[in-house]
Amino acid sequence: MRFAVAPPYDNGAPADPRFMTELAETADRLGFDSLYLSEHIVVVSDYERLHHYTPDGDIGLPDDTPFPDPLAVLGHVAACTERLRLATSVLILPEHHPVQLAKRLATMDVLSGGRLRIGVGVGWMREEMAALGVDYASRGRRTDEAIRVLRALWSSDPSDFAGEFFAFRGARCFPKPVQPGGVPIHVGGHSEAAARRAGRLGDGFHPLGVDLALLPELTGVVRHHATLAGRDPDAIEVTLTVSLTATDPSFVRRATVAGVDRLVLSCRSLRLPQIRAEMERIAIEHGL
């Protein structure tokens, strides 16, 4: 089992350079696999409560909670670490133009020495997408196509693409990512649609808000659709987010049996000394 960490958004930590430096350096020193950041470009007041990961559909944070650009923060993390991988959970892919995003991600991968991994999702906040001029109803198709655009620009030169939303001929995008095959793309979500997308297009599956007992059903969908697409289902990693303080050896064993490769430990509502102590405990318990 590999372990990653995600900072608490409810205390503004991702926008605090001192906090992020200390968290990243601690994770790097203790042997954690990666550090994860989330994304909301804007949070619109009085949004429709469609958040799938809380009982009332509310994001559970004040509207003025800082959500800094995750890629910018990960650049900061890269500069103060040596081996820690940099990840998102998740980047809301339909809110980005994939041609521009391909350049940003490839540049980050080069400058970090091949340490970038992106988790992507379709998003859920209608009002956020409306503010960006993105059609909510087509976000799934747009996400599928964006993944294909990223892979095309990273893998061939020049690149041609013709799709429903994006098209180009003879596009040359340099630098290419350091990692063979490009930056790994993990598909986040809780639905069967997300699981199907991970099987068809993803290097990994990052189910969000899914109980461990229900995970095998979704990973079965991932494996089935990977096989249908002629891909190796065993090569698709499974990442699960859980509370930092709720992670004990028994849970880790059950997660391993359920097919989880990586646990992202959420630090919600915790201060840095508590986070550091819990991370040290986990590093000792699991021999990181």
Foldseek 3Di string as FASTA:
>chain_A
DAEEAEEAQQVLQLVDLVSLLVVLVLCQVLVHAAYEAEDQPAQDPPFDQCQPQDPRSDPPHDRPGDRPDQLVSQLSSLVNHQRHAYEYPAAQPQLDDLVVVLQSQQVSLVVSVNRYAHEYELDDTPVSCVVSVGDSVCSLVSNLVSLVVSLQQQPDAPGFDDDDPDTDPRHHHDDHGPDVSGHFYEYEEADLSSLLSCLQRGQEYEYENDDLVCLLVSLVSSCVNVVVNVHHSVRYAYEYEDALVPDDPVVVVSSVVSRHDYYYHYDHPHDDVVNSVSSNVVSVVPVD
